[in-house]
């Protein structure tokens, strides 16, 4: 009889081991969720950096094109001024891009903090359903914030482009007005001189006669 009792006790211990395995599986699932969040955040970060780098390269190419056009159209002094203005624009754009990068890093830090806070809550709650809801909320918040950041960046870039175009157009108009004034003055002078010469020649002829 005693042997039978020992066998029953062994069965109980095996049942406990099974429950431990279930707990381990739950922990693994939580880790996988965190890894997925990290992967997604890293992917979004890489995509954003790539987009920003592409935008910077495009802006640089447009600047170079404008510089080439200006060099073909205007004089050396004005060209120097335009180059200075371009350099200032480039500095402003680089600063704005650096600020955007800093804001993105801050956003990523906030998201990490949010996920950590949700994880703490998850530890307190034993229900798996609550864990899933919290992680979904964090993901939704992250996606919304990322979308807002992308919209803000696009708007800022558009505004910068508009400002640059406006300044370029103003400079072009000023240059054209100055060029027109200078050309008119020179034409008038040349006409006057030629008329004087003609008059003198007529007078000389009359005297000879």
Protein backbone atom coordinates (compact mmCIF):
# COMPACT_ATOMS: atom_id res chain seq x y z
CA UNK A 1 0.00 0.00 0.00
CA UNK A 2 2.80 2.37 0.84
CA UNK A 3 4.30 1.84 -2.60
CA UNK A 4 1.04 2.90 -4.23
CA UNK A 5 1.00 6.14 -2.21
CA UNK A 6 4.51 7.00 -3.38
CA UNK A 7 3.46 6.54 -6.98
CA UNK A 8 0.57 8.98 -6.53
CA UNK A 9 2.89 11.60 -5.09
CA UNK A 10 5.20 11.29 -8.07
CA UNK A 11 2.30 11.96 -10.40
CA UNK A 12 1.50 15.17 -8.51
CA UNK A 13 5.04 16.43 -8.93
CA UNK A 14 4.85 15.82 -12.68
CA UNK A 15 1.65 17.87 -12.86
CA UNK A 16 3.43 20.79 -11.20
CA UNK A 17 6.19 20.60 -13.79
CA UNK A 18 3.61 20.89 -16.55
CA UNK A 19 2.26 24.13 -15.09
CA UNK A 20 5.81 25.52 -14.92
CA UNK A 21 6.21 24.82 -18.61
CA UNK A 22 3.07 26.81 -19.32
CA UNK A 23 4.42 29.77 -17.35
CA UNK A 24 7.68 29.65 -19.29
CA UNK A 25 5.75 29.71 -22.54
CA UNK A 26 3.92 32.85 -21.43
CA UNK A 27 7.21 34.55 -20.59
CA UNK A 28 8.59 33.65 -24.01
CA UNK A 29 5.51 35.15 -25.65
CA UNK A 30 6.02 38.41 -23.78
CA UNK A 31 9.65 38.53 -24.89
CA UNK A 32 8.62 37.95 -28.47
CA UNK A 33 6.16 40.85 -28.27
CA UNK A 34 8.88 43.17 -26.99
CA UNK A 35 11.24 42.02 -29.74
CA UNK A 36 8.57 42.76 -32.33
CA UNK A 37 8.07 46.27 -30.94
CA UNK A 38 11.79 46.92 -30.98
CA UNK A 39 12.12 45.60 -34.53
CA UNK A 40 9.25 47.74 -35.70
CA UNK A 41 10.61 50.86 -34.01
CA UNK A 42 14.05 50.27 -35.49
CA UNK A 43 12.58 49.70 -38.95
CA UNK A 44 10.50 52.88 -38.72
CA UNK A 45 13.55 54.81 -37.52
CA UNK A 46 15.67 53.53 -40.40
CA UNK A 47 12.93 54.35 -42.91
CA UNK A 48 12.59 57.89 -41.55
CA UNK A 49 16.35 58.48 -41.64
CA UNK A 50 16.49 57.14 -45.20
CA UNK A 51 13.62 59.40 -46.28
CA UNK A 52 15.29 62.41 -44.70
CA UNK A 53 18.62 61.63 -46.34
CA UNK A 54 16.92 61.30 -49.72
CA UNK A 55 15.18 64.64 -49.19
CA UNK A 56 18.47 66.29 -48.26
CA UNK A 57 20.14 64.91 -51.39
CA UNK A 58 17.29 66.14 -53.56
CA UNK A 59 17.44 69.58 -51.98
CA UNK A 60 21.20 69.71 -52.56
CA UNK A 61 20.71 68.80 -56.22
CA UNK A 62 18.07 71.48 -56.64
CA UNK A 63 20.38 74.02 -55.02
CA UNK A 64 23.17 73.08 -57.39
CA UNK A 65 20.85 73.44 -60.36
CA UNK A 66 19.77 76.89 -59.19
CA UNK A 67 23.36 77.90 -58.64
CA UNK A 68 24.26 76.86 -62.17
CA UNK A 69 21.36 78.84 -63.57
CA UNK A 70 22.36 81.88 -61.56
CA UNK A 71 25.96 81.64 -62.65
CA UNK A 72 24.86 81.63 -66.25
CA UNK A 73 22.50 84.57 -65.83
CA UNK A 74 23.97 87.15 -63.44
CA UNK A 75 27.15 89.00 -62.65
CA UNK A 76 29.98 87.98 -60.34
CA UNK A 77 29.11 90.19 -57.36
CA UNK A 78 25.52 89.10 -57.32
CA UNK A 79 26.64 85.54 -57.80
CA UNK A 80 28.72 85.79 -54.64
CA UNK A 81 25.71 87.14 -52.76
CA UNK A 82 23.58 84.32 -54.06
CA UNK A 83 26.17 81.79 -53.00
CA UNK A 84 26.19 83.28 -49.52
CA UNK A 85 22.41 83.08 -49.38
CA UNK A 86 22.49 79.50 -50.57
CA UNK A 87 25.01 78.60 -47.91
CA UNK A 88 22.82 80.20 -45.25
CA UNK A 89 19.81 78.29 -46.55
CA UNK A 90 21.78 75.08 -46.44
CA UNK A 91 22.81 75.77 -42.85
CA UNK A 92 19.22 76.47 -41.87
CA UNK A 93 18.04 73.29 -43.54
CA UNK A 94 20.72 71.21 -41.88
CA UNK A 95 19.77 72.68 -38.52
CA UNK A 96 16.12 71.92 -39.12
CA UNK A 97 16.96 68.37 -40.13
CA UNK A 98 19.09 67.96 -37.02
CA UNK A 99 16.20 69.24 -34.92
CA UNK A 100 13.90 66.74 -36.60
CA UNK A 101 16.34 63.96 -35.86
CA UNK A 102 16.51 65.07 -32.22
CA UNK A 103 12.72 65.17 -32.05
CA UNK A 104 12.56 61.69 -33.54
CA UNK A 105 15.06 60.40 -30.99
CA UNK A 106 12.99 61.97 -28.21
CA UNK A 107 9.89 60.32 -29.65
CA UNK A 108 11.64 56.96 -29.71
CA UNK A 109 12.72 57.41 -26.11
CA UNK A 110 9.16 58.29 -25.14
CA UNK A 111 7.88 55.23 -26.93
CA UNK A 112 10.40 53.05 -25.16
CA UNK A 113 9.30 54.55 -21.84
CA UNK A 114 5.67 53.95 -22.74
CA UNK A 115 6.31 50.33 -23.62
CA UNK A 116 8.23 49.87 -20.37
CA UNK A 117 5.35 51.38 -18.44
CA UNK A 118 2.91 49.07 -20.17
CA UNK A 119 5.18 46.14 -19.36
CA UNK A 120 5.11 47.09 -15.67
CA UNK A 121 1.35 47.14 -15.77
CA UNK A 122 1.40 43.78 -17.49
CA UNK A 123 3.40 42.29 -14.66
CA UNK A 124 0.77 43.40 -12.17
CA UNK A 125 -2.09 42.00 -14.23
CA UNK A 126 -2.38 38.26 -14.51
CA UNK A 127 -4.90 38.27 -17.37
CA UNK A 128 -3.44 37.67 -20.81
CA UNK A 129 -6.24 39.70 -22.42
CA UNK A 130 -5.20 42.84 -20.56
CA UNK A 131 -1.62 42.38 -21.73
CA UNK A 132 -2.72 42.22 -25.35
CA UNK A 133 -4.89 45.33 -25.00
CA UNK A 134 -2.08 47.35 -23.44
CA UNK A 135 0.43 46.41 -26.13
CA UNK A 136 -2.10 47.29 -28.84
CA UNK A 137 -2.69 50.69 -27.25
CA UNK A 138 1.04 51.36 -27.19
CA UNK A 139 1.37 50.39 -30.84
CA UNK A 140 -1.53 52.62 -31.82
CA UNK A 141 -0.05 55.56 -29.93
CA UNK A 142 3.32 54.98 -31.55
CA UNK A 143 1.87 54.81 -35.04
CA UNK A 144 -0.17 57.98 -34.48
CA UNK A 145 2.84 59.89 -33.19
CA UNK A 146 4.99 58.70 -36.10
CA UNK A 147 2.33 59.79 -38.59
CA UNK A 148 2.14 63.22 -36.97
CA UNK A 149 5.94 63.54 -37.12
CA UNK A 150 6.01 62.63 -40.81
CA UNK A 151 3.30 65.19 -41.58
CA UNK A 152 5.14 67.89 -39.65
CA UNK A 153 8.40 67.13 -41.43
CA UNK A 154 6.78 67.26 -44.84
CA UNK A 155 5.13 70.58 -44.00
CA UNK A 156 8.37 72.09 -42.74
CA UNK A 157 10.20 70.96 -45.86
CA UNK A 158 7.48 72.39 -48.08
CA UNK A 159 7.62 75.71 -46.23
CA UNK A 160 11.39 75.82 -46.59
CA UNK A 161 11.12 75.16 -50.31
CA UNK A 162 8.49 77.86 -50.70
CA UNK A 163 10.63 80.38 -48.82
CA UNK A 164 13.64 79.54 -50.94
CA UNK A 165 11.68 79.89 -54.15
CA UNK A 166 10.26 83.24 -53.04
CA UNK A 167 13.69 84.58 -52.18
CA UNK A 168 15.13 83.36 -55.45
CA UNK A 169 12.33 84.95 -57.44
CA UNK A 170 12.79 88.25 -55.63
CA UNK A 171 16.50 88.25 -56.29
CA UNK A 172 15.93 87.42 -59.93
CA UNK A 173 13.44 90.25 -60.35
CA UNK A 174 15.83 92.72 -58.72
CA UNK A 175 18.65 91.57 -60.92
CA UNK A 176 16.54 91.91 -64.05
CA UNK A 177 15.42 95.42 -63.11
CA UNK A 178 19.02 96.49 -62.47
CA UNK A 179 20.23 94.98 -65.70
CA UNK A 180 17.49 96.74 -67.64
CA UNK A 181 18.35 100.10 -66.08
CA UNK A 182 22.03 99.71 -66.86
CA UNK A 183 21.40 98.68 -70.44
CA UNK A 184 19.06 101.64 -71.03
CA UNK A 185 21.67 104.12 -69.76
CA UNK A 186 24.39 102.73 -71.95
CA UNK A 187 22.17 102.79 -75.03
CA UNK A 188 21.23 106.43 -74.47
CA UNK A 189 24.87 107.45 -74.15
CA UNK A 190 25.89 105.75 -77.31
CA UNK A 191 23.05 107.32 -79.28
CA UNK A 192 23.94 110.79 -78.05
CA UNK A 193 27.55 110.41 -79.06
CA UNK A 194 26.72 109.27 -82.52
CA UNK A 195 24.35 112.18 -83.09
CA UNK A 196 27.01 114.69 -82.03
CA UNK A 197 29.47 113.27 -84.46
CA UNK A 198 27.01 113.52 -87.29
CA UNK A 199 26.27 117.15 -86.50
CA UNK A 200 29.93 118.07 -86.43
CA UNK A 201 30.55 116.53 -89.78
CA UNK A 202 27.69 118.46 -91.34
CA UNK A 203 29.06 121.74 -90.02
CA UNK A 204 32.49 121.07 -91.40
CA UNK A 205 31.09 120.42 -94.82
CA UNK A 206 29.19 123.65 -94.89
CA UNK A 207 32.27 125.67 -93.92
CA UNK A 208 34.29 124.20 -96.72
CA UNK A 209 31.74 125.20 -99.26
